[in-house]
Amino acid sequence: MEELPPPASVSEQAAATAKEERIGLRLSVADKRTIEAKAKRAGLSVGDYMRRAALGKTIVERVPPELRKEVGAVGNNLNQLTRLAHAGKLPGVGIEALNELVERLLKTLR
């Protein structure tokens, strides 16, 4: 049976992924501001943002805390309305209408 090498230590792993090389590039002021804004929205440094973009990795914008709070409140209200509709205590509003509202909200958030 072939003997496997011992697992790499944390310092060996860090050395293998150390960022020692640099690439310089020129940008317009507008492009630089755009990249900085996108990096900030994603919660990344400009270097991390550009590295991920160049390597084709997924970059996800972070949801601002105030929007997250608002969406949570809307979700709570929808849950309460759904419970009432299922219990038949919400006259004039059908489950289909609530489901459609939820789907529209989810689509907007994506």
Protein backbone atom coordinates (compact mmCIF):
# COMPACT_ATOMS: atom_id res chain seq x y z
CA MET A 1 0.00 0.00 0.00
CA GLU A 2 1.32 3.46 -0.91
CA GLU A 3 2.20 5.66 2.03
CA LEU A 4 0.65 9.12 1.98
CA PRO A 5 2.69 12.20 2.90
CA PRO A 6 1.81 13.88 6.21
CA PRO A 7 -0.70 16.72 6.00
CA ALA A 8 0.79 20.15 5.41
CA SER A 9 1.10 22.41 8.42
CA VAL A 10 -0.78 25.70 8.56
CA SER A 11 2.43 27.62 7.84
CA GLU A 12 3.14 25.41 4.80
CA GLN A 13 -0.39 25.97 3.51
CA ALA A 14 -0.05 29.73 4.01
CA ALA A 15 3.28 29.75 2.15
CA ALA A 16 1.72 27.88 -0.76
CA THR A 17 -1.03 30.49 -1.13
CA ALA A 18 1.04 33.58 -0.28
CA LYS A 19 0.37 36.49 -2.59
CA GLU A 20 3.86 37.52 -3.65
CA GLU A 21 3.28 38.64 -7.23
CA ARG A 22 1.91 42.02 -8.33
CA ILE A 23 0.20 43.21 -11.49
CA GLY A 24 -0.04 46.92 -12.24
CA LEU A 25 -2.70 48.47 -14.42
CA ARG A 26 -3.92 51.89 -15.41
CA LEU A 27 -7.56 52.90 -15.03
CA SER A 28 -9.62 55.96 -15.69
CA VAL A 29 -10.85 57.80 -12.61
CA ALA A 30 -14.39 56.66 -13.41
CA ASP A 31 -13.37 53.00 -13.72
CA LYS A 32 -11.44 53.16 -10.44
CA ARG A 33 -14.43 54.65 -8.62
CA THR A 34 -16.73 52.02 -10.10
CA ILE A 35 -14.43 49.19 -8.99
CA GLU A 36 -14.06 50.69 -5.51
CA ALA A 37 -17.84 51.04 -5.17
CA LYS A 38 -18.46 47.47 -6.32
CA ALA A 39 -15.80 46.14 -3.95
CA LYS A 40 -17.37 48.05 -1.07
CA ARG A 41 -20.86 46.73 -1.89
CA ALA A 42 -19.43 43.19 -1.93
CA GLY A 43 -17.66 43.74 1.39
CA LEU A 44 -14.24 43.12 -0.20
CA SER A 45 -11.02 45.03 -0.53
CA VAL A 46 -10.31 46.33 -4.04
CA GLY A 47 -7.54 43.74 -4.42
CA ASP A 48 -9.79 40.85 -3.37
CA TYR A 49 -12.58 42.13 -5.62
CA MET A 50 -10.31 42.39 -8.66
CA ARG A 51 -8.67 39.02 -7.96
CA ARG A 52 -12.04 37.27 -7.75
CA ALA A 53 -13.34 39.04 -10.85
CA ALA A 54 -10.22 38.18 -12.86
CA LEU A 55 -10.35 34.53 -11.78
CA GLY A 56 -14.04 34.23 -12.69
CA LYS A 57 -15.18 33.66 -9.12
CA THR A 58 -18.65 34.62 -8.00
CA ILE A 59 -18.91 38.03 -6.38
CA VAL A 60 -22.04 38.66 -4.36
CA GLU A 61 -23.09 42.09 -3.20
CA ARG A 62 -23.88 42.22 0.47
CA VAL A 63 -27.35 43.32 1.44
CA PRO A 64 -27.17 46.57 3.41
CA PRO A 65 -28.18 46.05 7.07
CA GLU A 66 -31.11 48.49 6.82
CA LEU A 67 -32.52 46.61 3.80
CA ARG A 68 -31.99 43.26 5.54
CA LYS A 69 -33.97 44.56 8.53
CA GLU A 70 -36.76 45.86 6.28
CA VAL A 71 -36.97 42.59 4.34
CA GLY A 72 -37.13 40.69 7.63
CA ALA A 73 -40.05 42.85 8.77
CA VAL A 74 -41.86 42.29 5.46
CA GLY A 75 -41.26 38.55 5.78
CA ASN A 76 -42.72 38.53 9.29
CA ASN A 77 -45.81 40.38 8.06
CA LEU A 78 -46.22 37.93 5.18
CA ASN A 79 -45.96 34.99 7.57
CA GLN A 80 -48.66 36.47 9.80
CA LEU A 81 -50.93 37.13 6.81
CA THR A 82 -50.36 33.62 5.50
CA ARG A 83 -51.32 32.10 8.86
CA LEU A 84 -54.47 34.18 8.96
CA ALA A 85 -55.37 33.25 5.37
CA HIS A 86 -54.86 29.54 6.07
CA ALA A 87 -57.08 29.85 9.14
CA GLY A 88 -59.80 31.53 7.04
CA LYS A 89 -59.55 34.71 9.12
CA LEU A 90 -58.52 36.96 6.26
CA PRO A 91 -61.63 37.57 4.16
CA GLY A 92 -61.18 38.61 0.56
CA VAL A 93 -57.54 37.53 0.27
CA GLY A 94 -56.71 34.14 -1.14
CA ILE A 95 -53.63 32.03 -0.64
CA GLU A 96 -52.82 32.47 -4.33
CA ALA A 97 -52.58 36.25 -3.93
CA LEU A 98 -50.25 35.87 -0.96
CA ASN A 99 -48.11 33.32 -2.77
CA GLU A 100 -47.84 35.66 -5.75
CA LEU A 101 -46.78 38.50 -3.43
CA VAL A 102 -44.11 36.31 -1.84
CA GLU A 103 -42.81 35.23 -5.26
CA ARG A 104 -42.59 38.85 -6.43
CA LEU A 105 -40.71 39.82 -3.28
CA LEU A 106 -38.25 36.94 -3.67
CA LYS A 107 -37.72 37.76 -7.35
CA THR A 108 -37.00 41.38 -6.46
CA LEU A 109 -34.44 40.35 -3.85
CA ARG A 110 -32.58 38.11 -6.28
